[in-house]
Amino acid sequence: MDEREKLRKFRELDDAFAEALKELEGSASKTVAEPKADVPSLEERRQQQERERQANFERRLEALMNEYSLPAESVSTLMRTLVQLGKIA
């Protein structure tokens, strides 16, 4: 695979990863209705939503890694680079 193809795939993965992060951030900002007596507490629901968001993110990331045949080390390097550049928190 030549360098241009690698760069194109990297950009596609970066764009898809950014989109997945936006979706996670968007779902985090949704409001939650007040709990009823038989419904879990607000904190329990928040924790459950966070677990679901994390699981969704992990599934999407794994699918992208499989689609682009990227090893975990490459994705880890990408994540560290994005954090260092201030692109993600």
Protein backbone atom coordinates (compact mmCIF):
# COMPACT_ATOMS: atom_id res chain seq x y z
CA MET A 1 0.00 0.00 0.00
CA ASP A 2 1.54 3.34 -0.99
CA GLU A 3 1.78 6.35 1.32
CA ARG A 4 -1.14 8.19 -0.31
CA GLU A 5 -3.43 5.23 0.26
CA LYS A 6 -2.30 4.96 3.88
CA LEU A 7 -2.89 8.67 4.38
CA ARG A 8 -6.35 8.45 2.79
CA LYS A 9 -7.32 5.52 5.02
CA PHE A 10 -5.96 7.33 8.06
CA ARG A 11 -8.06 10.40 7.23
CA GLU A 12 -11.16 8.27 6.71
CA LEU A 13 -10.59 6.57 10.06
CA ASP A 14 -9.96 9.93 11.72
CA ASP A 15 -13.19 11.35 10.24
CA ALA A 16 -15.19 8.31 11.30
CA PHE A 17 -13.67 8.42 14.77
CA ALA A 18 -14.49 12.12 15.09
CA GLU A 19 -18.08 11.42 14.05
CA ALA A 20 -18.35 8.66 16.67
CA LEU A 21 -17.07 11.05 19.34
CA LYS A 22 -19.59 13.71 18.29
CA GLU A 23 -22.39 11.17 18.60
CA LEU A 24 -21.19 10.22 22.07
CA GLU A 25 -21.01 13.86 23.13
CA GLY A 26 -24.46 14.52 21.66
CA SER A 27 -26.06 11.65 23.52
CA ALA A 28 -24.39 12.79 26.74
CA SER A 29 -26.13 16.15 26.55
CA LYS A 30 -29.68 14.74 26.32
CA THR A 31 -31.84 15.48 29.32
CA VAL A 32 -33.18 12.77 31.59
CA ALA A 33 -36.75 12.81 32.95
CA GLU A 34 -37.33 12.91 36.71
CA PRO A 35 -37.29 9.43 38.29
CA LYS A 36 -40.45 7.79 39.56
CA ALA A 37 -40.64 5.69 42.71
CA ASP A 38 -40.06 2.36 40.90
CA VAL A 39 -37.46 3.75 38.48
CA PRO A 40 -33.70 3.72 39.19
CA SER A 41 -32.25 6.90 40.63
CA LEU A 42 -30.86 9.64 38.44
CA GLU A 43 -27.31 8.64 39.30
CA GLU A 44 -27.98 4.97 38.49
CA ARG A 45 -29.48 5.94 35.13
CA ARG A 46 -26.54 8.25 34.42
CA GLN A 47 -24.12 5.43 35.17
CA GLN A 48 -26.10 3.03 32.96
CA GLN A 49 -26.12 5.57 30.11
CA GLU A 50 -22.39 6.05 30.48
CA ARG A 51 -21.82 2.29 30.30
CA GLU A 52 -24.02 2.10 27.18
CA ARG A 53 -22.17 5.01 25.53
CA GLN A 54 -18.84 3.38 26.31
CA ALA A 55 -20.00 0.04 24.92
CA ASN A 56 -21.34 1.71 21.76
CA PHE A 57 -18.08 3.59 21.30
CA GLU A 58 -16.04 0.42 21.75
CA ARG A 59 -18.21 -1.45 19.21
CA ARG A 60 -17.89 1.34 16.64
CA LEU A 61 -14.14 1.65 17.20
CA GLU A 62 -13.66 -2.10 16.85
CA ALA A 63 -15.75 -2.13 13.65
CA LEU A 64 -13.64 0.70 12.21
CA MET A 65 -10.43 -1.08 13.17
CA ASN A 66 -11.66 -4.23 11.44
CA GLU A 67 -12.87 -2.33 8.37
CA TYR A 68 -9.50 -0.64 7.88
CA SER A 69 -7.42 -3.59 9.12
CA LEU A 70 -5.72 -1.50 11.77
CA PRO A 71 -4.03 -3.09 14.77
CA ALA A 72 -4.76 -1.79 18.25
CA GLU A 73 -1.25 -0.31 18.47
CA SER A 74 -1.94 1.98 15.49
CA VAL A 75 -5.23 3.15 16.94
CA SER A 76 -3.59 3.71 20.31
CA THR A 77 -0.91 5.84 18.65
CA LEU A 78 -3.63 7.78 16.82
CA MET A 79 -5.50 8.39 20.09
CA ARG A 80 -2.37 9.60 21.88
CA THR A 81 -1.57 11.91 18.98
CA LEU A 82 -5.08 13.37 18.95
CA VAL A 83 -4.96 13.95 22.70
CA GLN A 84 -1.54 15.61 22.44
CA LEU A 85 -2.82 17.87 19.66
CA GLY A 86 -5.82 18.82 21.77
CA LYS A 87 -8.30 17.33 19.30
CA ILE A 88 -9.96 15.20 22.01
CA ALA A 89 -10.04 15.37 25.78
